[in-house]
Amino acid sequence: MPVHTRRLPTKGGAVKRTPKKRAQRRISAKPKRKSIPWRVAFSDSIAKHSEGGLMLRGSRLKEKITQEDLADALGISQHHISEMENGKRTIGKEMAKRFAEFFNTDYRIFL
């Protein structure tokens, strides 16, 4: 079976094949991006909330659990979890250790 290819006429009347430059265009079209530290990327969120609160929220969402479920597991109120995530209540060392044990991570990320 013949394969149909797109051909362009030349000045002399002969037909020539078109070059395949799509792949080259795709590769060169993407600009190279420099990576930036996450603290720079989330500096507005860190200013609005605390860094420990963002880590708490991120850990909770990664495990796909609600504030109520976390509060029940740790024996504290859901309102306190919300305040910690929003930076209105500090996360003490003992509470950070409880979070770390629950999420199986180092407690210092919550401080």
PDB file of N, CA and C in Angstrom:
ATOM      1  N   MET A   1       0.827  -1.178   0.000  1.00  0.00           N
ATOM      2  CA  MET A   1       0.000   0.000   0.000  1.00  0.00           C
ATOM      3  C   MET A   1       0.875   1.246   0.000  1.00  0.00           C
ATOM      4  N   PRO A   2       0.576   2.175  -0.841  1.00  0.00           N
ATOM      5  CA  PRO A   2       1.381   3.391  -0.852  1.00  0.00           C
ATOM      6  C   PRO A   2       1.023   4.286   0.342  1.00  0.00           C
ATOM      7  N   VAL A   3       2.025   4.973   0.832  1.00  0.00           N
ATOM      8  CA  VAL A   3       1.831   5.900   1.941  1.00  0.00           C
ATOM      9  C   VAL A   3       1.688   7.291   1.364  1.00  0.00           C
ATOM     10  N   HIS A   4       0.656   7.982   1.751  1.00  0.00           N
ATOM     11  CA  HIS A   4       0.436   9.324   1.246  1.00  0.00           C
ATOM     12  C   HIS A   4       1.250  10.320   2.071  1.00  0.00           C
ATOM     13  N   THR A   5       2.038  11.114   1.392  1.00  0.00           N
ATOM     14  CA  THR A   5       2.783  12.172   2.059  1.00  0.00           C
ATOM     15  C   THR A   5       2.433  13.491   1.407  1.00  0.00           C
ATOM     16  N   ARG A   6       2.602  14.528   2.135  1.00  0.00           N
ATOM     17  CA  ARG A   6       2.302  15.853   1.621  1.00  0.00           C
ATOM     18  C   ARG A   6       3.490  16.347   0.798  1.00  0.00           C
ATOM     19  N   ARG A   7       3.223  16.822  -0.393  1.00  0.00           N
ATOM     20  CA  ARG A   7       4.295  17.270  -1.266  1.00  0.00           C
ATOM     21  C   ARG A   7       4.043  18.701  -1.705  1.00  0.00           C
ATOM     22  N   LEU A   8       5.125  19.430  -1.858  1.00  0.00           N
ATOM     23  CA  LEU A   8       5.045  20.811  -2.312  1.00  0.00           C
ATOM     24  C   LEU A   8       5.688  20.934  -3.686  1.00  0.00           C
ATOM     25  N   PRO A   9       5.080  21.704  -4.586  1.00  0.00           N
ATOM     26  CA  PRO A   9       5.705  21.891  -5.899  1.00  0.00           C
ATOM     27  C   PRO A   9       6.926  22.802  -5.787  1.00  0.00           C
ATOM     28  N   THR A  10       7.929  22.532  -6.612  1.00  0.00           N
ATOM     29  CA  THR A  10       9.131  23.366  -6.664  1.00  0.00           C
ATOM     30  C   THR A  10       9.077  24.238  -7.911  1.00  0.00           C
ATOM     31  N   LYS A  11      10.068  25.100  -8.095  1.00  0.00           N
ATOM     32  CA  LYS A  11      10.096  26.001  -9.243  1.00  0.00           C
ATOM     33  C   LYS A  11      10.184  25.253 -10.562  1.00  0.00           C
ATOM     34  N   GLY A  12      10.906  24.173 -10.596  1.00  0.00           N
ATOM     35  CA  GLY A  12      11.095  23.435 -11.829  1.00  0.00           C
ATOM     36  C   GLY A  12       9.932  22.515 -12.166  1.00  0.00           C
ATOM     37  N   GLY A  13       8.906  22.491 -11.363  1.00  0.00           N
ATOM     38  CA  GLY A  13       7.758  21.655 -11.642  1.00  0.00           C
ATOM     39  C   GLY A  13       7.820  20.317 -10.919  1.00  0.00           C
ATOM     40  N   ALA A  14       8.990  19.953 -10.387  1.00  0.00           N
ATOM     41  CA  ALA A  14       9.112  18.696  -9.649  1.00  0.00           C
ATOM     42  C   ALA A  14       8.479  18.866  -8.262  1.00  0.00           C
ATOM     43  N   VAL A  15       8.130  17.775  -7.658  1.00  0.00           N
ATOM     44  CA  VAL A  15       7.494  17.792  -6.357  1.00  0.00           C
ATOM     45  C   VAL A  15       8.511  17.309  -5.328  1.00  0.00           C
ATOM     46  N   LYS A  16       8.636  18.065  -4.226  1.00  0.00           N
ATOM     47  CA  LYS A  16       9.558  17.620  -3.188  1.00  0.00           C
ATOM     48  C   LYS A  16       8.807  17.435  -1.874  1.00  0.00           C
ATOM     49  N   ARG A  17       9.330  16.591  -1.019  1.00  0.00           N
ATOM     50  CA  ARG A  17       8.701  16.306   0.272  1.00  0.00           C
ATOM     51  C   ARG A  17       8.961  17.442   1.248  1.00  0.00           C
ATOM     52  N   THR A  18       8.003  17.635   2.171  1.00  0.00           N
ATOM     53  CA  THR A  18       8.176  18.666   3.191  1.00  0.00           C
ATOM     54  C   THR A  18       9.032  18.101   4.326  1.00  0.00           C
ATOM     55  N   PRO A  19       9.891  18.900   4.880  1.00  0.00           N
ATOM     56  CA  PRO A  19      10.706  18.410   5.999  1.00  0.00           C
ATOM     57  C   PRO A  19       9.864  18.291   7.272  1.00  0.00           C
ATOM     58  N   LYS A  20      10.230  17.343   8.104  1.00  0.00           N
ATOM     59  CA  LYS A  20       9.508  17.128   9.355  1.00  0.00           C
ATOM     60  C   LYS A  20      10.216  17.903  10.455  1.00  0.00           C
ATOM     61  N   LYS A  21       9.729  19.090  10.728  1.00  0.00           N
ATOM     62  CA  LYS A  21      10.348  19.937  11.740  1.00  0.00           C
ATOM     63  C   LYS A  21       9.453  20.108  12.965  1.00  0.00           C
ATOM     64  N   ARG A  22       8.384  19.386  13.046  1.00  0.00           N
ATOM     65  CA  ARG A  22       7.493  19.536  14.184  1.00  0.00           C
ATOM     66  C   ARG A  22       8.186  19.191  15.488  1.00  0.00           C
ATOM     67  N   ALA A  23       8.898  18.070  15.503  1.00  0.00           N
ATOM     68  CA  ALA A  23       9.564  17.644  16.726  1.00  0.00           C
ATOM     69  C   ALA A  23      10.615  18.661  17.142  1.00  0.00           C
ATOM     70  N   GLN A  24      11.323  19.223  16.193  1.00  0.00           N
ATOM     71  CA  GLN A  24      12.335  20.216  16.517  1.00  0.00           C
ATOM     72  C   GLN A  24      11.694  21.472  17.090  1.00  0.00           C
ATOM     73  N   ARG A  25      10.568  21.890  16.541  1.00  0.00           N
ATOM     74  CA  ARG A  25       9.883  23.072  17.040  1.00  0.00           C
ATOM     75  C   ARG A  25       9.385  22.860  18.460  1.00  0.00           C
ATOM     76  N   ARG A  26       8.865  21.680  18.762  1.00  0.00           N
ATOM     77  CA  ARG A  26       8.353  21.400  20.089  1.00  0.00           C
ATOM     78  C   ARG A  26       9.456  21.444  21.133  1.00  0.00           C
ATOM     79  N   ILE A  27      10.592  20.892  20.806  1.00  0.00           N
ATOM     80  CA  ILE A  27      11.684  20.854  21.766  1.00  0.00           C
ATOM     81  C   ILE A  27      12.226  22.252  22.023  1.00  0.00           C
ATOM     82  N   SER A  28      12.421  23.020  20.988  1.00  0.00           N
ATOM     83  CA  SER A  28      13.008  24.344  21.165  1.00  0.00           C
ATOM     84  C   SER A  28      12.005  25.377  21.666  1.00  0.00           C
ATOM     85  N   ALA A  29      10.712  25.104  21.583  1.00  0.00           N
ATOM     86  CA  ALA A  29       9.701  26.078  21.987  1.00  0.00           C
ATOM     87  C   ALA A  29       9.571  26.175  23.506  1.00  0.00           C
ATOM     88  N   LYS A  30       9.955  25.145  24.252  1.00  0.00           N
ATOM     89  CA  LYS A  30       9.802  25.167  25.699  1.00  0.00           C
ATOM     90  C   LYS A  30      10.949  25.957  26.325  1.00  0.00           C
ATOM     91  N   PRO A  31      10.611  27.003  27.061  1.00  0.00           N
ATOM     92  CA  PRO A  31      11.681  27.755  27.724  1.00  0.00           C
ATOM     93  C   PRO A  31      12.206  26.977  28.927  1.00  0.00           C
ATOM     94  N   LYS A  32      13.479  27.107  29.191  1.00  0.00           N
ATOM     95  CA  LYS A  32      14.063  26.433  30.345  1.00  0.00           C
ATOM     96  C   LYS A  32      13.738  27.251  31.582  1.00  0.00           C
ATOM     97  N   ARG A  33      13.192  26.584  32.581  1.00  0.00           N
ATOM     98  CA  ARG A  33      12.794  27.256  33.804  1.00  0.00           C
ATOM     99  C   ARG A  33      13.761  26.905  34.922  1.00  0.00           C
ATOM    100  N   LYS A  34      14.080  27.891  35.713  1.00  0.00           N
ATOM    101  CA  LYS A  34      14.904  27.656  36.879  1.00  0.00           C
ATOM    102  C   LYS A  34      13.981  27.289  38.027  1.00  0.00           C
ATOM    103  N   SER A  35      14.378  26.328  38.819  1.00  0.00           N
ATOM    104  CA  SER A  35      13.566  25.983  39.975  1.00  0.00           C
ATOM    105  C   SER A  35      13.840  26.979  41.088  1.00  0.00           C
ATOM    106  N   ILE A  36      12.833  27.186  41.913  1.00  0.00           N
ATOM    107  CA  ILE A  36      12.969  28.107  43.029  1.00  0.00           C
ATOM    108  C   ILE A  36      12.626  27.354  44.301  1.00  0.00           C
ATOM    109  N   PRO A  37      13.149  27.787  45.439  1.00  0.00           N
ATOM    110  CA  PRO A  37      12.824  27.124  46.704  1.00  0.00           C
ATOM    111  C   PRO A  37      11.338  27.268  47.030  1.00  0.00           C
ATOM    112  N   TRP A  38      10.794  26.289  47.737  1.00  0.00           N
ATOM    113  CA  TRP A  38       9.364  26.301  48.014  1.00  0.00           C
ATOM    114  C   TRP A  38       8.992  27.460  48.922  1.00  0.00           C
ATOM    115  N   ARG A  39       9.910  27.877  49.785  1.00  0.00           N
ATOM    116  CA  ARG A  39       9.602  29.006  50.666  1.00  0.00           C
ATOM    117  C   ARG A  39       9.413  30.295  49.872  1.00  0.00           C
ATOM    118  N   VAL A  40      10.121  30.430  48.761  1.00  0.00           N
ATOM    119  CA  VAL A  40       9.954  31.603  47.901  1.00  0.00           C
ATOM    120  C   VAL A  40       8.616  31.514  47.166  1.00  0.00           C
ATOM    121  N   ALA A  41       8.293  30.319  46.676  1.00  0.00           N
ATOM    122  CA  ALA A  41       7.047  30.133  45.936  1.00  0.00           C
ATOM    123  C   ALA A  41       5.814  30.373  46.813  1.00  0.00           C
ATOM    124  N   PHE A  42       5.914  30.018  48.076  1.00  0.00           N
ATOM    125  CA  PHE A  42       4.775  30.151  48.981  1.00  0.00           C
ATOM    126  C   PHE A  42       4.969  31.263  50.003  1.00  0.00           C
ATOM    127  N   SER A  43       5.774  32.262  49.673  1.00  0.00           N
ATOM    128  CA  SER A  43       6.066  33.322  50.640  1.00  0.00           C
ATOM    129  C   SER A  43       4.809  34.091  51.045  1.00  0.00           C
ATOM    130  N   ASP A  44       3.869  34.287  50.121  1.00  0.00           N
ATOM    131  CA  ASP A  44       2.634  34.991  50.482  1.00  0.00           C
ATOM    132  C   ASP A  44       1.784  34.164  51.437  1.00  0.00           C
ATOM    133  N   SER A  45       1.749  32.848  51.231  1.00  0.00           N
ATOM    134  CA  SER A  45       0.983  31.978  52.133  1.00  0.00           C
ATOM    135  C   SER A  45       1.646  31.884  53.498  1.00  0.00           C
ATOM    136  N   ILE A  46       2.982  31.865  53.524  1.00  0.00           N
ATOM    137  CA  ILE A  46       3.697  31.807  54.794  1.00  0.00           C
ATOM    138  C   ILE A  46       3.472  33.097  55.578  1.00  0.00           C
ATOM    139  N   ALA A  47       3.422  34.227  54.870  1.00  0.00           N
ATOM    140  CA  ALA A  47       3.172  35.500  55.541  1.00  0.00           C
ATOM    141  C   ALA A  47       1.754  35.543  56.111  1.00  0.00           C
ATOM    142  N   LYS A  48       0.809  34.964  55.385  1.00  0.00           N
ATOM    143  CA  LYS A  48      -0.586  34.982  55.825  1.00  0.00           C
ATOM    144  C   LYS A  48      -0.829  33.968  56.946  1.00  0.00           C
ATOM    145  N   HIS A  49      -0.276  32.768  56.779  1.00  0.00           N
ATOM    146  CA  HIS A  49      -0.393  31.694  57.769  1.00  0.00           C
ATOM    147  C   HIS A  49       1.009  31.404  58.276  1.00  0.00           C
ATOM    148  N   SER A  50       1.135  30.563  59.245  1.00  0.00           N
ATOM    149  CA  SER A  50       2.466  30.188  59.715  1.00  0.00           C
ATOM    150  C   SER A  50       3.010  29.034  58.878  1.00  0.00           C
ATOM    151  N   GLU A  51       4.317  28.894  58.878  1.00  0.00           N
ATOM    152  CA  GLU A  51       4.929  27.802  58.118  1.00  0.00           C
ATOM    153  C   GLU A  51       4.530  26.446  58.701  1.00  0.00           C
ATOM    154  N   GLY A  52       4.497  26.367  60.015  1.00  0.00           N
ATOM    155  CA  GLY A  52       4.063  25.129  60.663  1.00  0.00           C
ATOM    156  C   GLY A  52       2.614  24.793  60.335  1.00  0.00           C
ATOM    157  N   GLY A  53       1.778  25.820  60.245  1.00  0.00           N
ATOM    158  CA  GLY A  53       0.374  25.611  59.884  1.00  0.00           C
ATOM    159  C   GLY A  53       0.232  25.087  58.468  1.00  0.00           C
ATOM    160  N   LEU A  54       1.062  25.607  57.555  1.00  0.00           N
ATOM    161  CA  LEU A  54       1.028  25.098  56.180  1.00  0.00           C
ATOM    162  C   LEU A  54       1.490  23.649  56.120  1.00  0.00           C
ATOM    163  N   MET A  55       2.482  23.322  56.928  1.00  0.00           N
ATOM    164  CA  MET A  55       2.958  21.937  56.961  1.00  0.00           C
ATOM    165  C   MET A  55       1.884  21.009  57.546  1.00  0.00           C
ATOM    166  N   LEU A  56       1.194  21.495  58.556  1.00  0.00           N
ATOM    167  CA  LEU A  56       0.115  20.710  59.155  1.00  0.00           C
ATOM    168  C   LEU A  56      -0.996  20.478  58.141  1.00  0.00           C
ATOM    169  N   ARG A  57      -1.419  21.534  57.450  1.00  0.00           N
ATOM    170  CA  ARG A  57      -2.476  21.407  56.447  1.00  0.00           C
ATOM    171  C   ARG A  57      -2.031  20.486  55.310  1.00  0.00           C
ATOM    172  N   GLY A  58      -0.793  20.664  54.847  1.00  0.00           N
ATOM    173  CA  GLY A  58      -0.280  19.821  53.767  1.00  0.00           C
ATOM    174  C   GLY A  58      -0.220  18.361  54.158  1.00  0.00           C
ATOM    175  N   SER A  59       0.231  18.095  55.380  1.00  0.00           N
ATOM    176  CA  SER A  59       0.299  16.705  55.860  1.00  0.00           C
ATOM    177  C   SER A  59      -1.088  16.104  55.975  1.00  0.00           C
ATOM    178  N   ARG A  60      -2.015  16.911  56.473  1.00  0.00           N
ATOM    179  CA  ARG A  60      -3.391  16.423  56.635  1.00  0.00           C
ATOM    180  C   ARG A  60      -4.038  16.127  55.287  1.00  0.00           C
ATOM    181  N   LEU A  61      -3.847  17.027  54.321  1.00  0.00           N
ATOM    182  CA  LEU A  61      -4.440  16.818  52.999  1.00  0.00           C
ATOM    183  C   LEU A  61      -3.767  15.668  52.253  1.00  0.00           C
ATOM    184  N   LYS A  62      -2.471  15.489  52.481  1.00  0.00           N
ATOM    185  CA  LYS A  62      -1.757  14.374  51.854  1.00  0.00           C
ATOM    186  C   LYS A  62      -2.317  13.038  52.330  1.00  0.00           C
ATOM    187  N   GLU A  63      -2.662  12.970  53.603  1.00  0.00           N
ATOM    188  CA  GLU A  63      -3.240  11.739  54.168  1.00  0.00           C
ATOM    189  C   GLU A  63      -4.744  11.632  53.920  1.00  0.00           C
ATOM    190  N   LYS A  64      -5.334  12.688  53.335  1.00  0.00           N
ATOM    191  CA  LYS A  64      -6.762  12.732  52.998  1.00  0.00           C
ATOM    192  C   LYS A  64      -7.652  12.523  54.226  1.00  0.00           C
ATOM    193  N   ILE A  65      -7.336  13.269  55.283  1.00  0.00           N
ATOM    194  CA  ILE A  65      -8.178  13.211  56.472  1.00  0.00           C
ATOM    195  C   ILE A  65      -8.689  14.622  56.776  1.00  0.00           C
ATOM    196  N   THR A  66      -9.798  14.692  57.448  1.00  0.00           N
ATOM    197  CA  THR A  66     -10.403  15.973  57.779  1.00  0.00           C
ATOM    198  C   THR A  66      -9.840  16.485  59.098  1.00  0.00           C
ATOM    199  N   GLN A  67     -10.129  17.746  59.375  1.00  0.00           N
ATOM    200  CA  GLN A  67      -9.714  18.322  60.654  1.00  0.00           C
ATOM    201  C   GLN A  67     -10.393  17.597  61.811  1.00  0.00           C
ATOM    202  N   GLU A  68     -11.642  17.220  61.620  1.00  0.00           N
ATOM    203  CA  GLU A  68     -12.377  16.497  62.671  1.00  0.00           C
ATOM    204  C   GLU A  68     -11.733  15.150  62.970  1.00  0.00           C
ATOM    205  N   ASP A  69     -11.352  14.425  61.917  1.00  0.00           N
ATOM    206  CA  ASP A  69     -10.727  13.114  62.124  1.00  0.00           C
ATOM    207  C   ASP A  69      -9.398  13.252  62.853  1.00  0.00           C
ATOM    208  N   LEU A  70      -8.610  14.245  62.483  1.00  0.00           N
ATOM    209  CA  LEU A  70      -7.328  14.477  63.146  1.00  0.00           C
ATOM    210  C   LEU A  70      -7.541  14.876  64.596  1.00  0.00           C
ATOM    211  N   ALA A  71      -8.517  15.737  64.837  1.00  0.00           N
ATOM    212  CA  ALA A  71      -8.808  16.176  66.196  1.00  0.00           C
ATOM    213  C   ALA A  71      -9.263  15.005  67.063  1.00  0.00           C
ATOM    214  N   ASP A  72     -10.100  14.136  66.528  1.00  0.00           N
ATOM    215  CA  ASP A  72     -10.554  12.964  67.279  1.00  0.00           C
ATOM    216  C   ASP A  72      -9.397  12.023  67.590  1.00  0.00           C
ATOM    217  N   ALA A  73      -8.491  11.851  66.640  1.00  0.00           N
ATOM    218  CA  ALA A  73      -7.362  10.949  66.843  1.00  0.00           C
ATOM    219  C   ALA A  73      -6.401  11.481  67.906  1.00  0.00           C
ATOM    220  N   LEU A  74      -6.264  12.811  67.983  1.00  0.00           N
ATOM    221  CA  LEU A  74      -5.327  13.397  68.940  1.00  0.00           C
ATOM    222  C   LEU A  74      -5.985  13.840  70.234  1.00  0.00           C
ATOM    223  N   GLY A  75      -7.312  13.833  70.283  1.00  0.00           N
ATOM    224  CA  GLY A  75      -8.020  14.198  71.498  1.00  0.00           C
ATOM    225  C   GLY A  75      -8.068  15.692  71.759  1.00  0.00           C
ATOM    226  N   ILE A  76      -8.107  16.495  70.706  1.00  0.00           N
ATOM    227  CA  ILE A  76      -8.244  17.941  70.846  1.00  0.00           C
ATOM    228  C   ILE A  76      -9.436  18.388  70.008  1.00  0.00           C
ATOM    229  N   SER A  77      -9.795  19.661  70.116  1.00  0.00           N
ATOM    230  CA  SER A  77     -10.964  20.120  69.359  1.00  0.00           C
ATOM    231  C   SER A  77     -10.575  20.470  67.918  1.00  0.00           C
ATOM    232  N   GLN A  78     -11.545  20.362  67.048  1.00  0.00           N
ATOM    233  CA  GLN A  78     -11.343  20.671  65.626  1.00  0.00           C
ATOM    234  C   GLN A  78     -11.032  22.139  65.447  1.00  0.00           C
ATOM    235  N   HIS A  79     -11.599  22.970  66.293  1.00  0.00           N
ATOM    236  CA  HIS A  79     -11.375  24.414  66.241  1.00  0.00           C
ATOM    237  C   HIS A  79      -9.892  24.744  66.457  1.00  0.00           C
ATOM    238  N   HIS A  80      -9.241  24.014  67.339  1.00  0.00           N
ATOM    239  CA  HIS A  80      -7.813  24.236  67.597  1.00  0.00           C
ATOM    240  C   HIS A  80      -6.971  23.855  66.383  1.00  0.00           C
ATOM    241  N   ILE A  81      -7.343  22.791  65.696  1.00  0.00           N
ATOM    242  CA  ILE A  81      -6.633  22.390  64.470  1.00  0.00           C
ATOM    243  C   ILE A  81      -6.757  23.506  63.434  1.00  0.00           C
ATOM    244  N   SER A  82      -7.955  24.043  63.286  1.00  0.00           N
ATOM    245  CA  SER A  82      -8.187  25.125  62.332  1.00  0.00           C
ATOM    246  C   SER A  82      -7.352  26.354  62.667  1.00  0.00           C
ATOM    247  N   GLU A  83      -7.313  26.709  63.939  1.00  0.00           N
ATOM    248  CA  GLU A  83      -6.525  27.869  64.352  1.00  0.00           C
ATOM    249  C   GLU A  83      -5.031  27.652  64.117  1.00  0.00           C
ATOM    250  N   MET A  84      -4.545  26.453  64.328  1.00  0.00           N
ATOM    251  CA  MET A  84      -3.137  26.152  64.090  1.00  0.00           C
ATOM    252  C   MET A  84      -2.793  26.240  62.609  1.00  0.00           C
ATOM    253  N   GLU A  85      -3.679  25.735  61.769  1.00  0.00           N
ATOM    254  CA  GLU A  85      -3.439  25.784  60.330  1.00  0.00           C
ATOM    255  C   GLU A  85      -3.468  27.212  59.803  1.00  0.00           C
ATOM    256  N   ASN A  86      -4.279  28.060  60.397  1.00  0.00           N
ATOM    257  CA  ASN A  86      -4.409  29.440  59.932  1.00  0.00           C
ATOM    258  C   ASN A  86      -3.463  30.405  60.635  1.00  0.00           C
ATOM    259  N   GLY A  87      -2.601  29.899  61.507  1.00  0.00           N
ATOM    260  CA  GLY A  87      -1.607  30.737  62.163  1.00  0.00           C
ATOM    261  C   GLY A  87      -2.131  31.570  63.304  1.00  0.00           C
ATOM    262  N   LYS A  88      -3.325  31.274  63.787  1.00  0.00           N
ATOM    263  CA  LYS A  88      -3.893  32.027  64.905  1.00  0.00           C
ATOM    264  C   LYS A  88      -3.525  31.414  66.252  1.00  0.00           C
ATOM    265  N   ARG A  89      -3.046  30.187  66.240  1.00  0.00           N
ATOM    266  CA  ARG A  89      -2.614  29.499  67.460  1.00  0.00           C
ATOM    267  C   ARG A  89      -1.272  28.851  67.155  1.00  0.00           C
ATOM    268  N   THR A  90      -0.335  29.010  68.060  1.00  0.00           N
ATOM    269  CA  THR A  90       0.983  28.417  67.836  1.00  0.00           C
ATOM    270  C   THR A  90       0.937  26.911  68.073  1.00  0.00           C
ATOM    271  N   ILE A  91       1.831  26.221  67.403  1.00  0.00           N
ATOM    272  CA  ILE A  91       1.959  24.779  67.598  1.00  0.00           C
ATOM    273  C   ILE A  91       3.138  24.579  68.528  1.00  0.00           C
ATOM    274  N   GLY A  92       2.852  24.163  69.742  1.00  0.00           N
ATOM    275  CA  GLY A  92       3.914  23.947  70.723  1.00  0.00           C
ATOM    276  C   GLY A  92       4.705  22.681  70.412  1.00  0.00           C
ATOM    277  N   LYS A  93       5.787  22.515  71.155  1.00  0.00           N
ATOM    278  CA  LYS A  93       6.671  21.372  70.932  1.00  0.00           C
ATOM    279  C   LYS A  93       5.954  20.041  71.199  1.00  0.00           C
ATOM    280  N   GLU A  94       5.190  19.981  72.269  1.00  0.00           N
ATOM    281  CA  GLU A  94       4.480  18.742  72.597  1.00  0.00           C
ATOM    282  C   GLU A  94       3.421  18.407  71.539  1.00  0.00           C
ATOM    283  N   MET A  95       2.696  19.436  71.072  1.00  0.00           N
ATOM    284  CA  MET A  95       1.675  19.204  70.037  1.00  0.00           C
ATOM    285  C   MET A  95       2.352  18.811  68.724  1.00  0.00           C
ATOM    286  N   ALA A  96       3.490  19.436  68.417  1.00  0.00           N
ATOM    287  CA  ALA A  96       4.228  19.090  67.196  1.00  0.00           C
ATOM    288  C   ALA A  96       4.684  17.631  67.245  1.00  0.00           C
ATOM    289  N   LYS A  97       5.077  17.172  68.437  1.00  0.00           N
ATOM    290  CA  LYS A  97       5.483  15.764  68.578  1.00  0.00           C
ATOM    291  C   LYS A  97       4.292  14.831  68.384  1.00  0.00           C
ATOM    292  N   ARG A  98       3.114  15.250  68.840  1.00  0.00           N
ATOM    293  CA  ARG A  98       1.914  14.433  68.635  1.00  0.00           C
ATOM    294  C   ARG A  98       1.548  14.368  67.154  1.00  0.00           C
ATOM    295  N   PHE A  99       1.644  15.522  66.459  1.00  0.00           N
ATOM    296  CA  PHE A  99       1.390  15.540  65.014  1.00  0.00           C
ATOM    297  C   PHE A  99       2.398  14.659  64.287  1.00  0.00           C
ATOM    298  N   ALA A 100       3.659  14.763  64.680  1.00  0.00           N
ATOM    299  CA  ALA A 100       4.723  13.990  64.025  1.00  0.00           C
ATOM    300  C   ALA A 100       4.511  12.497  64.202  1.00  0.00           C
ATOM    301  N   GLU A 101       4.078  12.107  65.386  1.00  0.00           N
ATOM    302  CA  GLU A 101       3.817  10.683  65.623  1.00  0.00           C
ATOM    303  C   GLU A 101       2.637  10.206  64.766  1.00  0.00           C
ATOM    304  N   PHE A 102       1.604  11.049  64.661  1.00  0.00           N
ATOM    305  CA  PHE A 102       0.440  10.689  63.860  1.00  0.00           C
ATOM    306  C   PHE A 102       0.788  10.582  62.371  1.00  0.00           C
ATOM    307  N   PHE A 103       1.562  11.568  61.859  1.00  0.00           N
ATOM    308  CA  PHE A 103       1.906  11.589  60.436  1.00  0.00           C
ATOM    309  C   PHE A 103       3.195  10.838  60.124  1.00  0.00           C
ATOM    310  N   ASN A 104       3.833  10.282  61.145  1.00  0.00           N
ATOM    311  CA  ASN A 104       5.065   9.503  60.974  1.00  0.00           C
ATOM    312  C   ASN A 104       6.148  10.344  60.283  1.00  0.00           C
ATOM    313  N   THR A 105       6.459  11.489  60.880  1.00  0.00           N
ATOM    314  CA  THR A 105       7.457  12.402  60.342  1.00  0.00           C
ATOM    315  C   THR A 105       8.207  13.065  61.493  1.00  0.00           C
ATOM    316  N   ASP A 106       9.113  13.975  61.188  1.00  0.00           N
ATOM    317  CA  ASP A 106       9.872  14.681  62.205  1.00  0.00           C
ATOM    318  C   ASP A 106       9.033  15.840  62.758  1.00  0.00           C
ATOM    319  N   TYR A 107       9.093  16.029  64.075  1.00  0.00           N
ATOM    320  CA  TYR A 107       8.250  17.052  64.701  1.00  0.00           C
ATOM    321  C   TYR A 107       8.682  18.472  64.358  1.00  0.00           C
ATOM    322  N   ARG A 108       9.941  18.662  63.957  1.00  0.00           N
ATOM    323  CA  ARG A 108      10.453  20.013  63.727  1.00  0.00           C
ATOM    324  C   ARG A 108       9.825  20.701  62.519  1.00  0.00           C
ATOM    325  N   ILE A 109       9.196  19.946  61.621  1.00  0.00           N
ATOM    326  CA  ILE A 109       8.563  20.603  60.475  1.00  0.00           C
ATOM    327  C   ILE A 109       7.338  21.401  60.875  1.00  0.00           C
ATOM    328  N   PHE A 110       6.748  21.081  62.026  1.00  0.00           N
ATOM    329  CA  PHE A 110       5.546  21.771  62.484  1.00  0.00           C
ATOM    330  C   PHE A 110       5.861  22.994  63.344  1.00  0.00           C
ATOM    331  N   LEU A 111       7.109  23.187  63.703  1.00  0.00           N
ATOM    332  CA  LEU A 111       7.491  24.324  64.561  1.00  0.00           C
ATOM    333  C   LEU A 111       7.838  25.544  63.738  1.00  0.00           C
TER     334      LEU A 111
END
